[in-house]
PDB file of N, CA and C in Angstrom:
ATOM      1  N   UNK A   1     111.339 148.712  -1.566  1.00  0.00           N
ATOM      2  CA  UNK A   1     111.256 147.360  -2.079  1.00  0.00           C
ATOM      3  C   UNK A   1     109.798 146.911  -2.042  1.00  0.00           C
ATOM      4  N   UNK A   2     109.196 146.782  -3.182  1.00  0.00           N
ATOM      5  CA  UNK A   2     107.801 146.384  -3.271  1.00  0.00           C
ATOM      6  C   UNK A   2     107.693 144.865  -3.354  1.00  0.00           C
ATOM      7  N   UNK A   3     106.640 144.365  -2.730  1.00  0.00           N
ATOM      8  CA  UNK A   3     106.385 142.926  -2.769  1.00  0.00           C
ATOM      9  C   UNK A   3     105.201 142.667  -3.698  1.00  0.00           C
ATOM     10  N   UNK A   4     105.350 141.664  -4.511  1.00  0.00           N
ATOM     11  CA  UNK A   4     104.291 141.283  -5.436  1.00  0.00           C
ATOM     12  C   UNK A   4     103.094 140.774  -4.625  1.00  0.00           C
ATOM     13  N   UNK A   5     101.905 141.349  -4.817  1.00  0.00           N
ATOM     14  CA  UNK A   5     100.729 140.914  -4.062  1.00  0.00           C
ATOM     15  C   UNK A   5     100.429 139.428  -4.207  1.00  0.00           C
ATOM     16  N   UNK A   6     100.779 138.831  -5.328  1.00  0.00           N
ATOM     17  CA  UNK A   6     100.526 137.398  -5.493  1.00  0.00           C
ATOM     18  C   UNK A   6     101.378 136.575  -4.538  1.00  0.00           C
ATOM     19  N   UNK A   7     102.552 137.072  -4.172  1.00  0.00           N
ATOM     20  CA  UNK A   7     103.398 136.370  -3.206  1.00  0.00           C
ATOM     21  C   UNK A   7     102.707 136.338  -1.839  1.00  0.00           C
ATOM     22  N   UNK A   8     102.079 137.434  -1.483  1.00  0.00           N
ATOM     23  CA  UNK A   8     101.320 137.505  -0.223  1.00  0.00           C
ATOM     24  C   UNK A   8     100.181 136.489  -0.256  1.00  0.00           C
ATOM     25  N   UNK A   9      99.458 136.444  -1.362  1.00  0.00           N
ATOM     26  CA  UNK A   9      98.334 135.513  -1.495  1.00  0.00           C
ATOM     27  C   UNK A   9      98.790 134.066  -1.402  1.00  0.00           C
ATOM     28  N   UNK A  10      99.955 133.775  -1.934  1.00  0.00           N
ATOM     29  CA  UNK A  10     100.481 132.405  -1.875  1.00  0.00           C
ATOM     30  C   UNK A  10     100.932 132.038  -0.467  1.00  0.00           C
ATOM     31  N   UNK A  11     101.470 133.008   0.266  1.00  0.00           N
ATOM     32  CA  UNK A  11     102.024 132.732   1.588  1.00  0.00           C
ATOM     33  C   UNK A  11     100.947 132.617   2.672  1.00  0.00           C
ATOM     34  N   UNK A  12      99.840 133.304   2.516  1.00  0.00           N
ATOM     35  CA  UNK A  12      98.838 133.363   3.585  1.00  0.00           C
ATOM     36  C   UNK A  12      98.300 132.001   4.025  1.00  0.00           C
ATOM     37  N   UNK A  13      97.998 131.073   3.126  1.00  0.00           N
ATOM     38  CA  UNK A  13      97.529 129.765   3.593  1.00  0.00           C
ATOM     39  C   UNK A  13      98.572 129.040   4.444  1.00  0.00           C
ATOM     40  N   UNK A  14      99.842 129.192   4.094  1.00  0.00           N
ATOM     41  CA  UNK A  14     100.901 128.571   4.882  1.00  0.00           C
ATOM     42  C   UNK A  14     101.010 129.210   6.257  1.00  0.00           C
ATOM     43  N   UNK A  15     100.911 130.527   6.314  1.00  0.00           N
ATOM     44  CA  UNK A  15     100.969 131.245   7.589  1.00  0.00           C
ATOM     45  C   UNK A  15      99.780 130.853   8.458  1.00  0.00           C
ATOM     46  N   UNK A  16      98.597 130.817   7.863  1.00  0.00           N
ATOM     47  CA  UNK A  16      97.389 130.459   8.611  1.00  0.00           C
ATOM     48  C   UNK A  16      97.489 129.038   9.163  1.00  0.00           C
ATOM     49  N   UNK A  17      98.005 128.116   8.385  1.00  0.00           N
ATOM     50  CA  UNK A  17      98.162 126.725   8.833  1.00  0.00           C
ATOM     51  C   UNK A  17      99.146 126.646   9.987  1.00  0.00           C
ATOM     52  N   UNK A  18     100.241 127.396   9.910  1.00  0.00           N
ATOM     53  CA  UNK A  18     101.232 127.397  10.984  1.00  0.00           C
ATOM     54  C   UNK A  18     100.638 127.991  12.268  1.00  0.00           C
ATOM     55  N   UNK A  19      99.899 129.081  12.133  1.00  0.00           N
ATOM     56  CA  UNK A  19      99.272 129.690  13.311  1.00  0.00           C
ATOM     57  C   UNK A  19      98.248 128.757  13.929  1.00  0.00           C
ATOM     58  N   UNK A  20      97.528 128.002  13.132  1.00  0.00           N
ATOM     59  CA  UNK A  20      96.552 127.032  13.659  1.00  0.00           C
ATOM     60  C   UNK A  20      97.256 125.946  14.476  1.00  0.00           C
ATOM     61  N   UNK A  21      98.422 125.513  14.016  1.00  0.00           N
ATOM     62  CA  UNK A  21      99.196 124.513  14.766  1.00  0.00           C
ATOM     63  C   UNK A  21      99.634 125.077  16.117  1.00  0.00           C
ATOM     64  N   UNK A  22     100.099 126.323  16.109  1.00  0.00           N
ATOM     65  CA  UNK A  22     100.526 126.962  17.354  1.00  0.00           C
ATOM     66  C   UNK A  22      99.337 127.087  18.302  1.00  0.00           C
ATOM     67  N   UNK A  23      98.208 127.497  17.771  1.00  0.00           N
ATOM     68  CA  UNK A  23      97.013 127.669  18.605  1.00  0.00           C
ATOM     69  C   UNK A  23      96.586 126.332  19.228  1.00  0.00           C
ATOM     70  N   UNK A  24      96.628 125.256  18.460  1.00  0.00           N
ATOM     71  CA  UNK A  24      96.275 123.929  19.009  1.00  0.00           C
ATOM     72  C   UNK A  24      97.226 123.549  20.136  1.00  0.00           C
ATOM     73  N   UNK A  25      98.514 123.793  19.945  1.00  0.00           N
ATOM     74  CA  UNK A  25      99.505 123.458  20.971  1.00  0.00           C
ATOM     75  C   UNK A  25      99.277 124.276  22.236  1.00  0.00           C
ATOM     76  N   UNK A  26      98.988 125.567  22.084  1.00  0.00           N
ATOM     77  CA  UNK A  26      98.749 126.442  23.233  1.00  0.00           C
ATOM     78  C   UNK A  26      97.479 126.009  23.950  1.00  0.00           C
ATOM     79  N   UNK A  27      96.414 125.751  23.199  1.00  0.00           N
ATOM     80  CA  UNK A  27      95.149 125.332  23.814  1.00  0.00           C
ATOM     81  C   UNK A  27      95.312 124.032  24.593  1.00  0.00           C
ATOM     82  N   UNK A  28      96.021 123.086  23.998  1.00  0.00           N
ATOM     83  CA  UNK A  28      96.234 121.795  24.659  1.00  0.00           C
ATOM     84  C   UNK A  28      97.052 121.974  25.938  1.00  0.00           C
ATOM     85  N   UNK A  29      98.084 122.810  25.861  1.00  0.00           N
ATOM     86  CA  UNK A  29      98.931 123.041  27.036  1.00  0.00           C
ATOM     87  C   UNK A  29      98.140 123.776  28.113  1.00  0.00           C
ATOM     88  N   UNK A  30      97.358 124.754  27.727  1.00  0.00           N
ATOM     89  CA  UNK A  30      96.548 125.490  28.705  1.00  0.00           C
ATOM     90  C   UNK A  30      95.575 124.543  29.406  1.00  0.00           C
ATOM     91  N   UNK A  31      94.948 123.646  28.651  1.00  0.00           N
ATOM     92  CA  UNK A  31      93.967 122.725  29.220  1.00  0.00           C
ATOM     93  C   UNK A  31      94.614 121.758  30.209  1.00  0.00           C
ATOM     94  N   UNK A  32      95.841 121.371  29.961  1.00  0.00           N
ATOM     95  CA  UNK A  32      96.476 120.366  30.812  1.00  0.00           C
ATOM     96  C   UNK A  32      97.411 120.932  31.871  1.00  0.00           C
ATOM     97  N   UNK A  33      97.874 122.189  31.701  1.00  0.00           N
ATOM     98  CA  UNK A  33      98.908 122.703  32.599  1.00  0.00           C
ATOM     99  C   UNK A  33      98.626 124.078  33.203  1.00  0.00           C
ATOM    100  N   UNK A  34      97.423 124.603  33.045  1.00  0.00           N
ATOM    101  CA  UNK A  34      97.115 125.937  33.591  1.00  0.00           C
ATOM    102  C   UNK A  34      97.409 125.955  35.086  1.00  0.00           C
ATOM    103  N   UNK A  35      98.099 127.009  35.528  1.00  0.00           N
ATOM    104  CA  UNK A  35      98.391 127.194  36.944  1.00  0.00           C
ATOM    105  C   UNK A  35      99.574 126.400  37.465  1.00  0.00           C
ATOM    106  N   UNK A  36     100.193 125.592  36.638  1.00  0.00           N
ATOM    107  CA  UNK A  36     101.344 124.801  37.077  1.00  0.00           C
ATOM    108  C   UNK A  36     102.611 125.652  37.000  1.00  0.00           C
ATOM    109  N   UNK A  37     103.691 125.186  37.622  1.00  0.00           N
ATOM    110  CA  UNK A  37     104.944 125.945  37.591  1.00  0.00           C
ATOM    111  C   UNK A  37     105.431 126.200  36.157  1.00  0.00           C
ATOM    112  N   UNK A  38     106.060 127.361  35.991  1.00  0.00           N
ATOM    113  CA  UNK A  38     106.522 127.804  34.683  1.00  0.00           C
ATOM    114  C   UNK A  38     107.353 126.741  33.966  1.00  0.00           C
ATOM    115  N   UNK A  39     108.294 126.110  34.656  1.00  0.00           N
ATOM    116  CA  UNK A  39     109.184 125.140  33.997  1.00  0.00           C
ATOM    117  C   UNK A  39     108.385 123.977  33.404  1.00  0.00           C
ATOM    118  N   UNK A  40     107.388 123.502  34.136  1.00  0.00           N
ATOM    119  CA  UNK A  40     106.568 122.396  33.645  1.00  0.00           C
ATOM    120  C   UNK A  40     105.739 122.834  32.446  1.00  0.00           C
ATOM    121  N   UNK A  41     105.189 124.040  32.512  1.00  0.00           N
ATOM    122  CA  UNK A  41     104.389 124.565  31.405  1.00  0.00           C
ATOM    123  C   UNK A  41     105.263 124.769  30.173  1.00  0.00           C
ATOM    124  N   UNK A  42     106.430 125.350  30.365  1.00  0.00           N
ATOM    125  CA  UNK A  42     107.337 125.604  29.246  1.00  0.00           C
ATOM    126  C   UNK A  42     107.711 124.288  28.550  1.00  0.00           C
ATOM    127  N   UNK A  43     108.021 123.276  29.327  1.00  0.00           N
ATOM    128  CA  UNK A  43     108.379 121.966  28.761  1.00  0.00           C
ATOM    129  C   UNK A  43     107.194 121.374  28.001  1.00  0.00           C
ATOM    130  N   UNK A  44     106.005 121.429  28.616  1.00  0.00           N
ATOM    131  CA  UNK A  44     104.808 120.874  27.973  1.00  0.00           C
ATOM    132  C   UNK A  44     104.484 121.622  26.680  1.00  0.00           C
ATOM    133  N   UNK A  45     104.636 122.930  26.704  1.00  0.00           N
ATOM    134  CA  UNK A  45     104.363 123.732  25.509  1.00  0.00           C
ATOM    135  C   UNK A  45     105.364 123.407  24.396  1.00  0.00           C
ATOM    136  N   UNK A  46     106.631 123.286  24.757  1.00  0.00           N
ATOM    137  CA  UNK A  46     107.649 122.933  23.762  1.00  0.00           C
ATOM    138  C   UNK A  46     107.331 121.578  23.127  1.00  0.00           C
ATOM    139  N   UNK A  47     106.902 120.631  23.944  1.00  0.00           N
ATOM    140  CA  UNK A  47     106.550 119.306  23.420  1.00  0.00           C
ATOM    141  C   UNK A  47     105.303 119.370  22.546  1.00  0.00           C
ATOM    142  N   UNK A  48     104.313 120.153  22.962  1.00  0.00           N
ATOM    143  CA  UNK A  48     103.083 120.292  22.173  1.00  0.00           C
ATOM    144  C   UNK A  48     103.386 120.940  20.826  1.00  0.00           C
ATOM    145  N   UNK A  49     104.240 121.953  20.823  1.00  0.00           N
ATOM    146  CA  UNK A  49     104.626 122.590  19.568  1.00  0.00           C
ATOM    147  C   UNK A  49     105.346 121.594  18.662  1.00  0.00           C
ATOM    148  N   UNK A  50     106.208 120.785  19.245  1.00  0.00           N
ATOM    149  CA  UNK A  50     106.914 119.773  18.451  1.00  0.00           C
ATOM    150  C   UNK A  50     105.923 118.748  17.899  1.00  0.00           C
ATOM    151  N   UNK A  51     104.969 118.319  18.728  1.00  0.00           N
ATOM    152  CA  UNK A  51     103.954 117.357  18.270  1.00  0.00           C
ATOM    153  C   UNK A  51     103.154 117.912  17.087  1.00  0.00           C
ATOM    154  N   UNK A  52     102.927 119.215  17.094  1.00  0.00           N
ATOM    155  CA  UNK A  52     102.168 119.870  16.024  1.00  0.00           C
ATOM    156  C   UNK A  52     103.055 120.238  14.831  1.00  0.00           C
ATOM    157  N   UNK A  53     104.345 119.932  14.921  1.00  0.00           N
ATOM    158  CA  UNK A  53     105.320 120.323  13.896  1.00  0.00           C
ATOM    159  C   UNK A  53     105.317 121.842  13.718  1.00  0.00           C
ATOM    160  N   UNK A  54     105.286 122.522  14.868  1.00  0.00           N
ATOM    161  CA  UNK A  54     105.260 123.988  14.863  1.00  0.00           C
ATOM    162  C   UNK A  54     106.330 124.544  15.792  1.00  0.00           C
ATOM    163  N   UNK A  55     107.451 123.869  15.881  1.00  0.00           N
ATOM    164  CA  UNK A  55     108.485 124.295  16.822  1.00  0.00           C
ATOM    165  C   UNK A  55     109.214 125.562  16.397  1.00  0.00           C
ATOM    166  N   UNK A  56     108.996 126.021  15.163  1.00  0.00           N
ATOM    167  CA  UNK A  56     109.651 127.261  14.713  1.00  0.00           C
ATOM    168  C   UNK A  56     108.854 128.468  15.206  1.00  0.00           C
ATOM    169  N   UNK A  57     108.998 128.748  16.496  1.00  0.00           N
ATOM    170  CA  UNK A  57     108.342 129.896  17.126  1.00  0.00           C
ATOM    171  C   UNK A  57     109.441 130.673  17.846  1.00  0.00           C
ATOM    172  N   UNK A  58     109.379 131.969  17.788  1.00  0.00           N
ATOM    173  CA  UNK A  58     110.372 132.820  18.450  1.00  0.00           C
ATOM    174  C   UNK A  58     110.426 132.429  19.944  1.00  0.00           C
ATOM    175  N   UNK A  59     111.610 132.150  20.477  1.00  0.00           N
ATOM    176  CA  UNK A  59     111.722 131.703  21.864  1.00  0.00           C
ATOM    177  C   UNK A  59     111.028 132.625  22.870  1.00  0.00           C
ATOM    178  N   UNK A  60     111.102 133.933  22.648  1.00  0.00           N
ATOM    179  CA  UNK A  60     110.457 134.860  23.573  1.00  0.00           C
ATOM    180  C   UNK A  60     108.939 134.700  23.562  1.00  0.00           C
ATOM    181  N   UNK A  61     108.379 134.323  22.431  1.00  0.00           N
ATOM    182  CA  UNK A  61     106.934 134.087  22.342  1.00  0.00           C
ATOM    183  C   UNK A  61     106.571 132.841  23.140  1.00  0.00           C
ATOM    184  N   UNK A  62     107.359 131.790  23.009  1.00  0.00           N
ATOM    185  CA  UNK A  62     107.116 130.564  23.767  1.00  0.00           C
ATOM    186  C   UNK A  62     107.212 130.859  25.264  1.00  0.00           C
ATOM    187  N   UNK A  63     108.219 131.631  25.661  1.00  0.00           N
ATOM    188  CA  UNK A  63     108.394 131.980  27.073  1.00  0.00           C
ATOM    189  C   UNK A  63     107.202 132.774  27.595  1.00  0.00           C
ATOM    190  N   UNK A  64     106.731 133.732  26.824  1.00  0.00           N
ATOM    191  CA  UNK A  64     105.576 134.544  27.248  1.00  0.00           C
ATOM    192  C   UNK A  64     104.309 133.711  27.331  1.00  0.00           C
ATOM    193  N   UNK A  65     104.081 132.853  26.362  1.00  0.00           N
ATOM    194  CA  UNK A  65     102.911 131.977  26.403  1.00  0.00           C
ATOM    195  C   UNK A  65     102.973 131.046  27.621  1.00  0.00           C
ATOM    196  N   UNK A  66     104.146 130.487  27.873  1.00  0.00           N
ATOM    197  CA  UNK A  66     104.316 129.606  29.037  1.00  0.00           C
ATOM    198  C   UNK A  66     104.062 130.384  30.326  1.00  0.00           C
ATOM    199  N   UNK A  67     104.532 131.611  30.416  1.00  0.00           N
ATOM    200  CA  UNK A  67     104.308 132.426  31.612  1.00  0.00           C
ATOM    201  C   UNK A  67     102.819 132.672  31.807  1.00  0.00           C
ATOM    202  N   UNK A  68     102.136 133.029  30.730  1.00  0.00           N
ATOM    203  CA  UNK A  68     100.698 133.302  30.830  1.00  0.00           C
ATOM    204  C   UNK A  68      99.916 132.056  31.249  1.00  0.00           C
ATOM    205  N   UNK A  69     100.260 130.915  30.685  1.00  0.00           N
ATOM    206  CA  UNK A  69      99.578 129.673  31.042  1.00  0.00           C
ATOM    207  C   UNK A  69      99.858 129.325  32.495  1.00  0.00           C
ATOM    208  N   UNK A  70     101.092 129.503  32.913  1.00  0.00           N
ATOM    209  CA  UNK A  70     101.480 129.212  34.295  1.00  0.00           C
ATOM    210  C   UNK A  70     100.718 130.090  35.275  1.00  0.00           C
ATOM    211  N   UNK A  71     100.485 131.336  34.897  1.00  0.00           N
ATOM    212  CA  UNK A  71      99.803 132.281  35.796  1.00  0.00           C
ATOM    213  C   UNK A  71      98.285 132.214  35.696  1.00  0.00           C
ATOM    214  N   UNK A  72      97.765 131.398  34.772  1.00  0.00           N
ATOM    215  CA  UNK A  72      96.315 131.274  34.627  1.00  0.00           C
ATOM    216  C   UNK A  72      95.758 130.525  35.817  1.00  0.00           C
ATOM    217  N   UNK A  73      94.792 131.131  36.509  1.00  0.00           N
ATOM    218  CA  UNK A  73      94.205 130.405  37.639  1.00  0.00           C
ATOM    219  C   UNK A  73      93.444 129.174  37.131  1.00  0.00           C
ATOM    220  N   UNK A  74      93.540 128.132  37.917  1.00  0.00           N
ATOM    221  CA  UNK A  74      92.825 126.905  37.571  1.00  0.00           C
ATOM    222  C   UNK A  74      91.356 127.118  37.925  1.00  0.00           C
ATOM    223  N   UNK A  75      90.482 126.915  36.950  1.00  0.00           N
ATOM    224  CA  UNK A  75      89.055 127.110  37.219  1.00  0.00           C
ATOM    225  C   UNK A  75      88.499 125.893  37.930  1.00  0.00           C
ATOM    226  N   UNK A  76      87.598 126.151  38.877  1.00  0.00           N
ATOM    227  CA  UNK A  76      86.955 125.002  39.541  1.00  0.00           C
ATOM    228  C   UNK A  76      86.046 124.293  38.559  1.00  0.00           C
ATOM    229  N   UNK A  77      85.790 123.029  38.788  1.00  0.00           N
ATOM    230  CA  UNK A  77      84.887 122.312  37.899  1.00  0.00           C
ATOM    231  C   UNK A  77      83.485 122.925  37.964  1.00  0.00           C
ATOM    232  N   UNK A  78      82.723 122.845  36.898  1.00  0.00           N
ATOM    233  CA  UNK A  78      81.379 123.420  36.905  1.00  0.00           C
ATOM    234  C   UNK A  78      80.489 122.719  37.917  1.00  0.00           C
ATOM    235  N   UNK A  79      79.582 123.473  38.516  1.00  0.00           N
ATOM    236  CA  UNK A  79      78.641 122.920  39.482  1.00  0.00           C
ATOM    237  C   UNK A  79      77.476 122.327  38.718  1.00  0.00           C
ATOM    238  N   UNK A  80      77.429 121.003  38.639  1.00  0.00           N
ATOM    239  CA  UNK A  80      76.375 120.351  37.880  1.00  0.00           C
ATOM    240  C   UNK A  80      75.113 120.157  38.722  1.00  0.00           C
ATOM    241  N   UNK A  81      75.188 120.496  40.010  1.00  0.00           N
ATOM    242  CA  UNK A  81      74.041 120.313  40.882  1.00  0.00           C
ATOM    243  C   UNK A  81      73.292 121.607  41.129  1.00  0.00           C
ATOM    244  N   UNK A  82      73.766 122.689  40.553  1.00  0.00           N
ATOM    245  CA  UNK A  82      73.185 123.994  40.840  1.00  0.00           C
ATOM    246  C   UNK A  82      72.168 124.376  39.906  1.00  0.00           C
TER     247      UNK A  82
END
């Protein structure tokens, strides 16, 4: 089954826009919830995805992203006196 290359060209901007929404939601959740318990991160990520109108993400992907964010060590604030 061959796919018309023009269909790919038409779909790519939509895919790129959807991925950008997911990336914004993940970045926002990482910034606010890194190192927090998985349940809190998962909830925050689900809400961020909904805020971005990007809730159509495979559940296992959301779970893995939440796990990674939860396990991310919280970085200390930068030393501005050094």
